[in-house]
Amino acid sequence: VVILSSQDKIEVAVNCMHHKAFDYVVKSETAFFRLQKII
């Protein structure tokens, strides 16, 4: 599971990883590019 969020806060990303997310991507101009690389 890859979490997408508009929140660019490290504590949010860390919380997602504690819940076993594979990765955390901030919704930004590079989000789509990052997602295409993560798969």
PDB file of all heavy atoms in Angstrom:
ATOM      1  N   VAL A   1       0.850  -1.181   0.000  1.00  0.00           N
ATOM      2  CA  VAL A   1       0.000   0.000   0.000  1.00  0.00           C
ATOM      3  C   VAL A   1       0.892   1.241   0.000  1.00  0.00           C
ATOM      4  O   VAL A   1       1.777   1.368   0.853  1.00  0.00           O
ATOM      5  CB  VAL A   1      -0.938   0.033   1.226  1.00  0.00           C
ATOM      6  CG1 VAL A   1      -1.796   1.288   1.219  1.00  0.00           C
ATOM      7  CG2 VAL A   1      -1.809  -1.221   1.264  1.00  0.00           C
ATOM      8  N   VAL A   2       0.643   2.118  -0.958  1.00  0.00           N
ATOM      9  CA  VAL A   2       1.353   3.397  -1.027  1.00  0.00           C
ATOM     10  C   VAL A   2       0.366   4.470  -0.602  1.00  0.00           C
ATOM     11  O   VAL A   2      -0.723   4.569  -1.162  1.00  0.00           O
ATOM     12  CB  VAL A   2       1.875   3.677  -2.456  1.00  0.00           C
ATOM     13  CG1 VAL A   2       2.551   5.039  -2.523  1.00  0.00           C
ATOM     14  CG2 VAL A   2       2.816   2.561  -2.914  1.00  0.00           C
ATOM     15  N   ILE A   3       0.751   5.262   0.386  1.00  0.00           N
ATOM     16  CA  ILE A   3      -0.110   6.329   0.882  1.00  0.00           C
ATOM     17  C   ILE A   3       0.212   7.620   0.147  1.00  0.00           C
ATOM     18  O   ILE A   3       1.378   7.991  -0.001  1.00  0.00           O
ATOM     19  CB  ILE A   3       0.080   6.539   2.405  1.00  0.00           C
ATOM     20  CG1 ILE A   3      -0.306   5.294   3.190  1.00  0.00           C
ATOM     21  CG2 ILE A   3      -0.695   7.764   2.881  1.00  0.00           C
ATOM     22  CD1 ILE A   3      -1.781   5.003   3.263  1.00  0.00           C
ATOM     23  N   LEU A   4      -0.846   8.295  -0.303  1.00  0.00           N
ATOM     24  CA  LEU A   4      -0.744   9.618  -0.929  1.00  0.00           C
ATOM     25  C   LEU A   4      -1.304  10.648   0.044  1.00  0.00           C
ATOM     26  O   LEU A   4      -2.348  10.409   0.651  1.00  0.00           O
ATOM     27  CB  LEU A   4      -1.616   9.668  -2.184  1.00  0.00           C
ATOM     28  CG  LEU A   4      -1.074   9.134  -3.470  1.00  0.00           C
ATOM     29  CD1 LEU A   4      -2.169   9.146  -4.516  1.00  0.00           C
ATOM     30  CD2 LEU A   4       0.100   9.944  -3.939  1.00  0.00           C
ATOM     31  N   SER A   5      -0.631  11.771   0.164  1.00  0.00           N
ATOM     32  CA  SER A   5      -1.149  12.801   1.055  1.00  0.00           C
ATOM     33  C   SER A   5      -0.686  14.175   0.614  1.00  0.00           C
ATOM     34  O   SER A   5       0.406  14.333   0.072  1.00  0.00           O
ATOM     35  CB  SER A   5      -0.681  12.557   2.487  1.00  0.00           C
ATOM     36  OG  SER A   5      -1.140  13.575   3.344  1.00  0.00           O
ATOM     37  N   SER A   6      -1.512  15.156   0.870  1.00  0.00           N
ATOM     38  CA  SER A   6      -1.116  16.540   0.619  1.00  0.00           C
ATOM     39  C   SER A   6      -0.286  17.067   1.782  1.00  0.00           C
ATOM     40  O   SER A   6       0.271  18.150   1.711  1.00  0.00           O
ATOM     41  CB  SER A   6      -2.341  17.415   0.387  1.00  0.00           C
ATOM     42  OG  SER A   6      -3.206  17.309   1.488  1.00  0.00           O
ATOM     43  N   GLN A   7      -0.192  16.291   2.853  1.00  0.00           N
ATOM     44  CA  GLN A   7       0.573  16.698   4.032  1.00  0.00           C
ATOM     45  C   GLN A   7       2.046  16.333   3.865  1.00  0.00           C
ATOM     46  O   GLN A   7       2.389  15.176   3.711  1.00  0.00           O
ATOM     47  CB  GLN A   7       0.021  16.024   5.287  1.00  0.00           C
ATOM     48  CG  GLN A   7      -1.400  16.425   5.593  1.00  0.00           C
ATOM     49  CD  GLN A   7      -1.849  15.877   6.920  1.00  0.00           C
ATOM     50  OE1 GLN A   7      -1.120  15.933   7.889  1.00  0.00           O
ATOM     51  NE2 GLN A   7      -3.059  15.342   6.944  1.00  0.00           N
ATOM     52  N   ASP A   8       2.877  17.345   3.929  1.00  0.00           N
ATOM     53  CA  ASP A   8       4.318  17.152   3.809  1.00  0.00           C
ATOM     54  C   ASP A   8       4.938  17.207   5.200  1.00  0.00           C
ATOM     55  O   ASP A   8       5.796  18.028   5.490  1.00  0.00           O
ATOM     56  CB  ASP A   8       4.912  18.222   2.890  1.00  0.00           C
ATOM     57  CG  ASP A   8       6.327  17.915   2.480  1.00  0.00           C
ATOM     58  OD1 ASP A   8       6.818  16.821   2.801  1.00  0.00           O
ATOM     59  OD2 ASP A   8       6.956  18.772   1.839  1.00  0.00           O
ATOM     60  N   LYS A   9       4.459  16.311   6.071  1.00  0.00           N
ATOM     61  CA  LYS A   9       4.927  16.274   7.458  1.00  0.00           C
ATOM     62  C   LYS A   9       5.569  14.924   7.726  1.00  0.00           C
ATOM     63  O   LYS A   9       4.957  13.880   7.474  1.00  0.00           O
ATOM     64  CB  LYS A   9       3.766  16.480   8.432  1.00  0.00           C
ATOM     65  CG  LYS A   9       3.090  17.824   8.297  1.00  0.00           C
ATOM     66  CD  LYS A   9       1.941  17.939   9.273  1.00  0.00           C
ATOM     67  CE  LYS A   9       1.226  19.268   9.094  1.00  0.00           C
ATOM     68  NZ  LYS A   9       0.021  19.336   9.931  1.00  0.00           N
ATOM     69  N   ILE A  10       6.773  14.954   8.259  1.00  0.00           N
ATOM     70  CA  ILE A  10       7.501  13.709   8.505  1.00  0.00           C
ATOM     71  C   ILE A  10       6.762  12.802   9.479  1.00  0.00           C
ATOM     72  O   ILE A  10       6.754  11.587   9.298  1.00  0.00           O
ATOM     73  CB  ILE A  10       8.957  13.993   8.972  1.00  0.00           C
ATOM     74  CG1 ILE A  10       9.791  12.715   8.958  1.00  0.00           C
ATOM     75  CG2 ILE A  10       8.971  14.619  10.352  1.00  0.00           C
ATOM     76  CD1 ILE A  10      10.107  12.192   7.602  1.00  0.00           C
ATOM     77  N   GLU A  11       6.090  13.379  10.480  1.00  0.00           N
ATOM     78  CA  GLU A  11       5.398  12.525  11.458  1.00  0.00           C
ATOM     79  C   GLU A  11       4.230  11.770  10.821  1.00  0.00           C
ATOM     80  O   GLU A  11       3.920  10.644  11.225  1.00  0.00           O
ATOM     81  CB  GLU A  11       4.934  13.316  12.690  1.00  0.00           C
ATOM     82  CG  GLU A  11       4.052  14.493  12.416  1.00  0.00           C
ATOM     83  CD  GLU A  11       4.776  15.807  12.143  1.00  0.00           C
ATOM     84  OE1 GLU A  11       6.008  15.829  12.020  1.00  0.00           O
ATOM     85  OE2 GLU A  11       4.074  16.824  12.028  1.00  0.00           O
ATOM     86  N   VAL A  12       3.599  12.360   9.817  1.00  0.00           N
ATOM     87  CA  VAL A  12       2.520  11.664   9.105  1.00  0.00           C
ATOM     88  C   VAL A  12       3.110  10.496   8.307  1.00  0.00           C
ATOM     89  O   VAL A  12       2.583   9.384   8.336  1.00  0.00           O
ATOM     90  CB  VAL A  12       1.735  12.633   8.192  1.00  0.00           C
ATOM     91  CG1 VAL A  12       0.709  11.888   7.352  1.00  0.00           C
ATOM     92  CG2 VAL A  12       1.061  13.723   9.016  1.00  0.00           C
ATOM     93  N   ALA A  13       4.207  10.750   7.615  1.00  0.00           N
ATOM     94  CA  ALA A  13       4.861   9.690   6.839  1.00  0.00           C
ATOM     95  C   ALA A  13       5.331   8.559   7.747  1.00  0.00           C
ATOM     96  O   ALA A  13       5.126   7.379   7.442  1.00  0.00           O
ATOM     97  CB  ALA A  13       6.042  10.270   6.061  1.00  0.00           C
ATOM     98  N   VAL A  14       5.929   8.898   8.880  1.00  0.00           N
ATOM     99  CA  VAL A  14       6.411   7.881   9.818  1.00  0.00           C
ATOM    100  C   VAL A  14       5.236   7.062  10.354  1.00  0.00           C
ATOM    101  O   VAL A  14       5.320   5.825  10.457  1.00  0.00           O
ATOM    102  CB  VAL A  14       7.216   8.537  10.965  1.00  0.00           C
ATOM    103  CG1 VAL A  14       7.476   7.549  12.089  1.00  0.00           C
ATOM    104  CG2 VAL A  14       8.525   9.096  10.431  1.00  0.00           C
ATOM    105  N   ASN A  15       4.130   7.720  10.674  1.00  0.00           N
ATOM    106  CA  ASN A  15       2.947   7.005  11.158  1.00  0.00           C
ATOM    107  C   ASN A  15       2.457   6.004  10.111  1.00  0.00           C
ATOM    108  O   ASN A  15       2.108   4.865  10.449  1.00  0.00           O
ATOM    109  CB  ASN A  15       1.843   7.998  11.526  1.00  0.00           C
ATOM    110  CG  ASN A  15       0.653   7.315  12.153  1.00  0.00           C
ATOM    111  OD1 ASN A  15       0.772   6.371  12.928  1.00  0.00           O
ATOM    112  ND2 ASN A  15      -0.529   7.786  11.807  1.00  0.00           N
ATOM    113  N   CYS A  16       2.438   6.412   8.862  1.00  0.00           N
ATOM    114  CA  CYS A  16       2.009   5.507   7.788  1.00  0.00           C
ATOM    115  C   CYS A  16       2.940   4.297   7.694  1.00  0.00           C
ATOM    116  O   CYS A  16       2.479   3.163   7.521  1.00  0.00           O
ATOM    117  CB  CYS A  16       1.971   6.241   6.453  1.00  0.00           C
ATOM    118  SG  CYS A  16       0.675   7.487   6.363  1.00  0.00           S
ATOM    119  N   MET A  17       4.230   4.533   7.836  1.00  0.00           N
ATOM    120  CA  MET A  17       5.181   3.434   7.754  1.00  0.00           C
ATOM    121  C   MET A  17       5.023   2.490   8.956  1.00  0.00           C
ATOM    122  O   MET A  17       5.168   1.277   8.813  1.00  0.00           O
ATOM    123  CB  MET A  17       6.618   3.965   7.666  1.00  0.00           C
ATOM    124  CG  MET A  17       6.846   4.897   6.473  1.00  0.00           C
ATOM    125  SD  MET A  17       6.201   4.306   4.898  1.00  0.00           S
ATOM    126  CE  MET A  17       7.546   3.293   4.381  1.00  0.00           C
ATOM    127  N   HIS A  18       4.684   3.040  10.118  1.00  0.00           N
ATOM    128  CA  HIS A  18       4.424   2.188  11.294  1.00  0.00           C
ATOM    129  C   HIS A  18       3.214   1.287  11.071  1.00  0.00           C
ATOM    130  O   HIS A  18       3.143   0.199  11.638  1.00  0.00           O
ATOM    131  CB  HIS A  18       4.205   3.034  12.551  1.00  0.00           C
ATOM    132  CG  HIS A  18       5.468   3.554  13.156  1.00  0.00           C
ATOM    133  ND1 HIS A  18       6.557   2.759  13.428  1.00  0.00           N
ATOM    134  CD2 HIS A  18       5.822   4.804  13.540  1.00  0.00           C
ATOM    135  CE1 HIS A  18       7.522   3.482  13.947  1.00  0.00           C
ATOM    136  NE2 HIS A  18       7.108   4.732  14.025  1.00  0.00           N
ATOM    137  N   HIS A  19       2.290   1.745  10.240  1.00  0.00           N
ATOM    138  CA  HIS A  19       1.106   0.938   9.913  1.00  0.00           C
ATOM    139  C   HIS A  19       1.364   0.035   8.701  1.00  0.00           C
ATOM    140  O   HIS A  19       0.441  -0.504   8.124  1.00  0.00           O
ATOM    141  CB  HIS A  19      -0.100   1.848   9.687  1.00  0.00           C
ATOM    142  CG  HIS A  19      -0.662   2.406  10.949  1.00  0.00           C
ATOM    143  ND1 HIS A  19      -1.690   1.802  11.632  1.00  0.00           N
ATOM    144  CD2 HIS A  19      -0.312   3.499  11.681  1.00  0.00           C
ATOM    145  CE1 HIS A  19      -1.970   2.506  12.717  1.00  0.00           C
ATOM    146  NE2 HIS A  19      -1.144   3.533  12.773  1.00  0.00           N
ATOM    147  N   LYS A  20       2.614  -0.066   8.319  1.00  0.00           N
ATOM    148  CA  LYS A  20       3.075  -0.993   7.272  1.00  0.00           C
ATOM    149  C   LYS A  20       2.772  -0.553   5.841  1.00  0.00           C
ATOM    150  O   LYS A  20       2.601  -1.388   4.950  1.00  0.00           O
ATOM    151  CB  LYS A  20       2.587  -2.403   7.542  1.00  0.00           C
ATOM    152  CG  LYS A  20       3.012  -2.906   8.919  1.00  0.00           C
ATOM    153  CD  LYS A  20       2.976  -4.387   9.012  1.00  0.00           C
ATOM    154  CE  LYS A  20       3.413  -4.975  10.306  1.00  0.00           C
ATOM    155  NZ  LYS A  20       3.935  -4.252  11.360  1.00  0.00           N
ATOM    156  N   ALA A  21       2.720   0.761   5.620  1.00  0.00           N
ATOM    157  CA  ALA A  21       2.643   1.253   4.242  1.00  0.00           C
ATOM    158  C   ALA A  21       3.975   0.948   3.559  1.00  0.00           C
ATOM    159  O   ALA A  21       5.032   0.962   4.196  1.00  0.00           O
ATOM    160  CB  ALA A  21       2.380   2.759   4.219  1.00  0.00           C
ATOM    161  N   PHE A  22       3.926   0.675   2.278  1.00  0.00           N
ATOM    162  CA  PHE A  22       5.161   0.434   1.523  1.00  0.00           C
ATOM    163  C   PHE A  22       5.928   1.730   1.321  1.00  0.00           C
ATOM    164  O   PHE A  22       7.145   1.773   1.400  1.00  0.00           O
ATOM    165  CB  PHE A  22       4.853  -0.215   0.166  1.00  0.00           C
ATOM    166  CG  PHE A  22       6.085  -0.516  -0.637  1.00  0.00           C
ATOM    167  CD1 PHE A  22       6.766  -1.701  -0.423  1.00  0.00           C
ATOM    168  CD2 PHE A  22       6.555   0.380  -1.581  1.00  0.00           C
ATOM    169  CE1 PHE A  22       7.923  -1.986  -1.145  1.00  0.00           C
ATOM    170  CE2 PHE A  22       7.707   0.104  -2.311  1.00  0.00           C
ATOM    171  CZ  PHE A  22       8.394  -1.076  -2.092  1.00  0.00           C
ATOM    172  N   ASP A  23       5.180   2.802   1.051  1.00  0.00           N
ATOM    173  CA  ASP A  23       5.815   4.103   0.810  1.00  0.00           C
ATOM    174  C   ASP A  23       4.799   5.206   1.070  1.00  0.00           C
ATOM    175  O   ASP A  23       3.596   4.943   1.204  1.00  0.00           O
ATOM    176  CB  ASP A  23       6.338   4.191  -0.625  1.00  0.00           C
ATOM    177  CG  ASP A  23       7.505   5.167  -0.772  1.00  0.00           C
ATOM    178  OD1 ASP A  23       7.743   5.979   0.138  1.00  0.00           O
ATOM    179  OD2 ASP A  23       8.171   5.114  -1.827  1.00  0.00           O
ATOM    180  N   TYR A  24       5.294   6.422   1.123  1.00  0.00           N
ATOM    181  CA  TYR A  24       4.488   7.615   1.373  1.00  0.00           C
ATOM    182  C   TYR A  24       4.866   8.632   0.311  1.00  0.00           C
ATOM    183  O   TYR A  24       6.046   8.945   0.132  1.00  0.00           O
ATOM    184  CB  TYR A  24       4.800   8.155   2.774  1.00  0.00           C
ATOM    185  CG  TYR A  24       4.019   9.375   3.170  1.00  0.00           C
ATOM    186  CD1 TYR A  24       2.771   9.253   3.754  1.00  0.00           C
ATOM    187  CD2 TYR A  24       4.541  10.647   2.983  1.00  0.00           C
ATOM    188  CE1 TYR A  24       2.043  10.362   4.133  1.00  0.00           C
ATOM    189  CE2 TYR A  24       3.819  11.769   3.360  1.00  0.00           C
ATOM    190  CZ  TYR A  24       2.581  11.621   3.942  1.00  0.00           C
ATOM    191  OH  TYR A  24       1.865  12.734   4.316  1.00  0.00           O
ATOM    192  N   VAL A  25       3.873   9.126  -0.423  1.00  0.00           N
ATOM    193  CA  VAL A  25       4.122  10.088  -1.494  1.00  0.00           C
ATOM    194  C   VAL A  25       3.293  11.337  -1.240  1.00  0.00           C
ATOM    195  O   VAL A  25       2.079  11.257  -1.043  1.00  0.00           O
ATOM    196  CB  VAL A  25       3.765   9.476  -2.874  1.00  0.00           C
ATOM    197  CG1 VAL A  25       3.912  10.516  -3.978  1.00  0.00           C
ATOM    198  CG2 VAL A  25       4.626   8.253  -3.151  1.00  0.00           C
ATOM    199  N   VAL A  26       3.968  12.474  -1.258  1.00  0.00           N
ATOM    200  CA  VAL A  26       3.277  13.751  -1.099  1.00  0.00           C
ATOM    201  C   VAL A  26       2.671  14.140  -2.440  1.00  0.00           C
ATOM    202  O   VAL A  26       3.318  14.033  -3.485  1.00  0.00           O
ATOM    203  CB  VAL A  26       4.253  14.847  -0.608  1.00  0.00           C
ATOM    204  CG1 VAL A  26       3.555  16.200  -0.540  1.00  0.00           C
ATOM    205  CG2 VAL A  26       4.826  14.469   0.750  1.00  0.00           C
ATOM    206  N   LYS A  27       1.403  14.573  -2.400  1.00  0.00           N
ATOM    207  CA  LYS A  27       0.740  15.045  -3.617  1.00  0.00           C
ATOM    208  C   LYS A  27       1.395  16.362  -4.035  1.00  0.00           C
ATOM    209  O   LYS A  27       1.180  17.398  -3.421  1.00  0.00           O
ATOM    210  CB  LYS A  27      -0.759  15.263  -3.378  1.00  0.00           C
ATOM    211  CG  LYS A  27      -1.536  13.990  -3.178  1.00  0.00           C
ATOM    212  CD  LYS A  27      -3.005  14.296  -2.951  1.00  0.00           C
ATOM    213  CE  LYS A  27      -3.827  13.060  -2.761  1.00  0.00           C
ATOM    214  NZ  LYS A  27      -5.242  13.355  -2.506  1.00  0.00           N
ATOM    215  N   SER A  28       2.213  16.268  -5.053  1.00  0.00           N
ATOM    216  CA  SER A  28       2.935  17.426  -5.568  1.00  0.00           C
ATOM    217  C   SER A  28       3.092  17.252  -7.072  1.00  0.00           C
ATOM    218  O   SER A  28       2.583  16.283  -7.653  1.00  0.00           O
ATOM    219  CB  SER A  28       4.308  17.539  -4.893  1.00  0.00           C
ATOM    220  OG  SER A  28       5.124  16.452  -5.298  1.00  0.00           O
ATOM    221  N   GLU A  29       3.849  18.143  -7.686  1.00  0.00           N
ATOM    222  CA  GLU A  29       4.041  18.047  -9.137  1.00  0.00           C
ATOM    223  C   GLU A  29       4.838  16.804  -9.531  1.00  0.00           C
ATOM    224  O   GLU A  29       4.802  16.382 -10.689  1.00  0.00           O
ATOM    225  CB  GLU A  29       4.706  19.317  -9.689  1.00  0.00           C
ATOM    226  CG  GLU A  29       6.063  19.644  -9.113  1.00  0.00           C
ATOM    227  CD  GLU A  29       6.019  20.376  -7.765  1.00  0.00           C
ATOM    228  OE1 GLU A  29       4.938  20.796  -7.329  1.00  0.00           O
ATOM    229  OE2 GLU A  29       7.080  20.503  -7.154  1.00  0.00           O
ATOM    230  N   THR A  30       5.529  16.174  -8.599  1.00  0.00           N
ATOM    231  CA  THR A  30       6.297  14.964  -8.913  1.00  0.00           C
ATOM    232  C   THR A  30       5.603  13.675  -8.468  1.00  0.00           C
ATOM    233  O   THR A  30       6.148  12.591  -8.655  1.00  0.00           O
ATOM    234  CB  THR A  30       7.693  15.021  -8.256  1.00  0.00           C
ATOM    235  OG1 THR A  30       7.530  15.067  -6.837  1.00  0.00           O
ATOM    236  CG2 THR A  30       8.489  16.224  -8.752  1.00  0.00           C
ATOM    237  N   ALA A  31       4.412  13.766  -7.894  1.00  0.00           N
ATOM    238  CA  ALA A  31       3.740  12.584  -7.330  1.00  0.00           C
ATOM    239  C   ALA A  31       3.490  11.507  -8.381  1.00  0.00           C
ATOM    240  O   ALA A  31       3.759  10.322  -8.133  1.00  0.00           O
ATOM    241  CB  ALA A  31       2.426  12.986  -6.655  1.00  0.00           C
ATOM    242  N   PHE A  32       2.977  11.883  -9.537  1.00  0.00           N
ATOM    243  CA  PHE A  32       2.662  10.872 -10.553  1.00  0.00           C
ATOM    244  C   PHE A  32       3.932  10.177 -11.017  1.00  0.00           C
ATOM    245  O   PHE A  32       3.955   8.959 -11.193  1.00  0.00           O
ATOM    246  CB  PHE A  32       1.941  11.496 -11.741  1.00  0.00           C
ATOM    247  CG  PHE A  32       0.510  11.890 -11.455  1.00  0.00           C
ATOM    248  CD1 PHE A  32       0.040  12.067 -10.160  1.00  0.00           C
ATOM    249  CD2 PHE A  32      -0.363  12.108 -12.485  1.00  0.00           C
ATOM    250  CE1 PHE A  32      -1.264  12.430  -9.902  1.00  0.00           C
ATOM    251  CE2 PHE A  32      -1.691  12.473 -12.244  1.00  0.00           C
ATOM    252  CZ  PHE A  32      -2.124  12.634 -10.945  1.00  0.00           C
ATOM    253  N   PHE A  33       4.993  10.947 -11.213  1.00  0.00           N
ATOM    254  CA  PHE A  33       6.274  10.376 -11.622  1.00  0.00           C
ATOM    255  C   PHE A  33       6.788   9.400 -10.564  1.00  0.00           C
ATOM    256  O   PHE A  33       7.217   8.292 -10.882  1.00  0.00           O
ATOM    257  CB  PHE A  33       7.293  11.500 -11.865  1.00  0.00           C
ATOM    258  CG  PHE A  33       8.664  11.004 -12.191  1.00  0.00           C
ATOM    259  CD1 PHE A  33       8.951  10.505 -13.453  1.00  0.00           C
ATOM    260  CD2 PHE A  33       9.673  11.022 -11.239  1.00  0.00           C
ATOM    261  CE1 PHE A  33      10.219  10.036 -13.762  1.00  0.00           C
ATOM    262  CE2 PHE A  33      10.942  10.551 -11.534  1.00  0.00           C
ATOM    263  CZ  PHE A  33      11.216  10.051 -12.799  1.00  0.00           C
ATOM    264  N   ARG A  34       6.731   9.800  -9.301  1.00  0.00           N
ATOM    265  CA  ARG A  34       7.188   8.918  -8.210  1.00  0.00           C
ATOM    266  C   ARG A  34       6.374   7.643  -8.162  1.00  0.00           C
ATOM    267  O   ARG A  34       6.920   6.556  -7.973  1.00  0.00           O
ATOM    268  CB  ARG A  34       7.105   9.649  -6.863  1.00  0.00           C
ATOM    269  CG  ARG A  34       8.209  10.676  -6.696  1.00  0.00           C
ATOM    270  CD  ARG A  34       8.521  11.023  -5.268  1.00  0.00           C
ATOM    271  NE  ARG A  34       8.815   9.846  -4.480  1.00  0.00           N
ATOM    272  CZ  ARG A  34       8.439   9.696  -3.216  1.00  0.00           C
ATOM    273  NH1 ARG A  34       7.772  10.645  -2.603  1.00  0.00           N
ATOM    274  NH2 ARG A  34       8.740   8.605  -2.545  1.00  0.00           N
ATOM    275  N   LEU A  35       5.058   7.743  -8.316  1.00  0.00           N
ATOM    276  CA  LEU A  35       4.215   6.543  -8.277  1.00  0.00           C
ATOM    277  C   LEU A  35       4.565   5.584  -9.406  1.00  0.00           C
ATOM    278  O   LEU A  35       4.604   4.374  -9.208  1.00  0.00           O
ATOM    279  CB  LEU A  35       2.736   6.927  -8.333  1.00  0.00           C
ATOM    280  CG  LEU A  35       2.192   7.584  -7.070  1.00  0.00           C
ATOM    281  CD1 LEU A  35       0.804   8.149  -7.323  1.00  0.00           C
ATOM    282  CD2 LEU A  35       2.176   6.598  -5.914  1.00  0.00           C
ATOM    283  N   GLN A  36       4.831   6.114 -10.588  1.00  0.00           N
ATOM    284  CA  GLN A  36       5.194   5.257 -11.721  1.00  0.00           C
ATOM    285  C   GLN A  36       6.523   4.543 -11.474  1.00  0.00           C
ATOM    286  O   GLN A  36       6.754   3.464 -12.008  1.00  0.00           O
ATOM    287  CB  GLN A  36       5.273   6.080 -13.017  1.00  0.00           C
ATOM    288  CG  GLN A  36       3.939   6.583 -13.504  1.00  0.00           C
ATOM    289  CD  GLN A  36       3.068   5.495 -14.134  1.00  0.00           C
ATOM    290  OE1 GLN A  36       3.495   4.373 -14.363  1.00  0.00           O
ATOM    291  NE2 GLN A  36       1.831   5.836 -14.416  1.00  0.00           N
ATOM    292  N   LYS A  37       7.397   5.125 -10.659  1.00  0.00           N
ATOM    293  CA  LYS A  37       8.678   4.492 -10.314  1.00  0.00           C
ATOM    294  C   LYS A  37       8.537   3.507  -9.160  1.00  0.00           C
ATOM    295  O   LYS A  37       9.295   2.538  -9.064  1.00  0.00           O
ATOM    296  CB  LYS A  37       9.727   5.563  -9.953  1.00  0.00           C
ATOM    297  CG  LYS A  37      10.082   6.477 -11.088  1.00  0.00           C
ATOM    298  CD  LYS A  37      10.721   5.723 -12.211  1.00  0.00           C
ATOM    299  CE  LYS A  37      11.085   6.614 -13.366  1.00  0.00           C
ATOM    300  NZ  LYS A  37      11.484   5.888 -14.548  1.00  0.00           N
ATOM    301  N   ILE A  38       7.591   3.741  -8.268  1.00  0.00           N
ATOM    302  CA  ILE A  38       7.412   2.880  -7.099  1.00  0.00           C
ATOM    303  C   ILE A  38       6.863   1.510  -7.488  1.00  0.00           C
ATOM    304  O   ILE A  38       7.277   0.491  -6.926  1.00  0.00           O
ATOM    305  CB  ILE A  38       6.492   3.567  -6.060  1.00  0.00           C
ATOM    306  CG1 ILE A  38       7.241   4.730  -5.404  1.00  0.00           C
ATOM    307  CG2 ILE A  38       5.997   2.582  -5.007  1.00  0.00           C
ATOM    308  CD1 ILE A  38       6.360   5.634  -4.561  1.00  0.00           C
ATOM    309  N   ILE A  39       5.952   1.468  -8.454  1.00  0.00           N
ATOM    310  CA  ILE A  39       5.326   0.186  -8.824  1.00  0.00           C
ATOM    311  C   ILE A  39       6.376  -0.845  -9.248  1.00  0.00           C
ATOM    312  O   ILE A  39       6.393  -1.958  -8.707  1.00  0.00           O
ATOM    313  CB  ILE A  39       4.245   0.381  -9.913  1.00  0.00           C
ATOM    314  CG1 ILE A  39       3.172   1.366  -9.456  1.00  0.00           C
ATOM    315  CG2 ILE A  39       3.650  -0.956 -10.332  1.00  0.00           C
ATOM    316  CD1 ILE A  39       2.400   0.993  -8.227  1.00  0.00           C
TER     317      ILE A  39
END
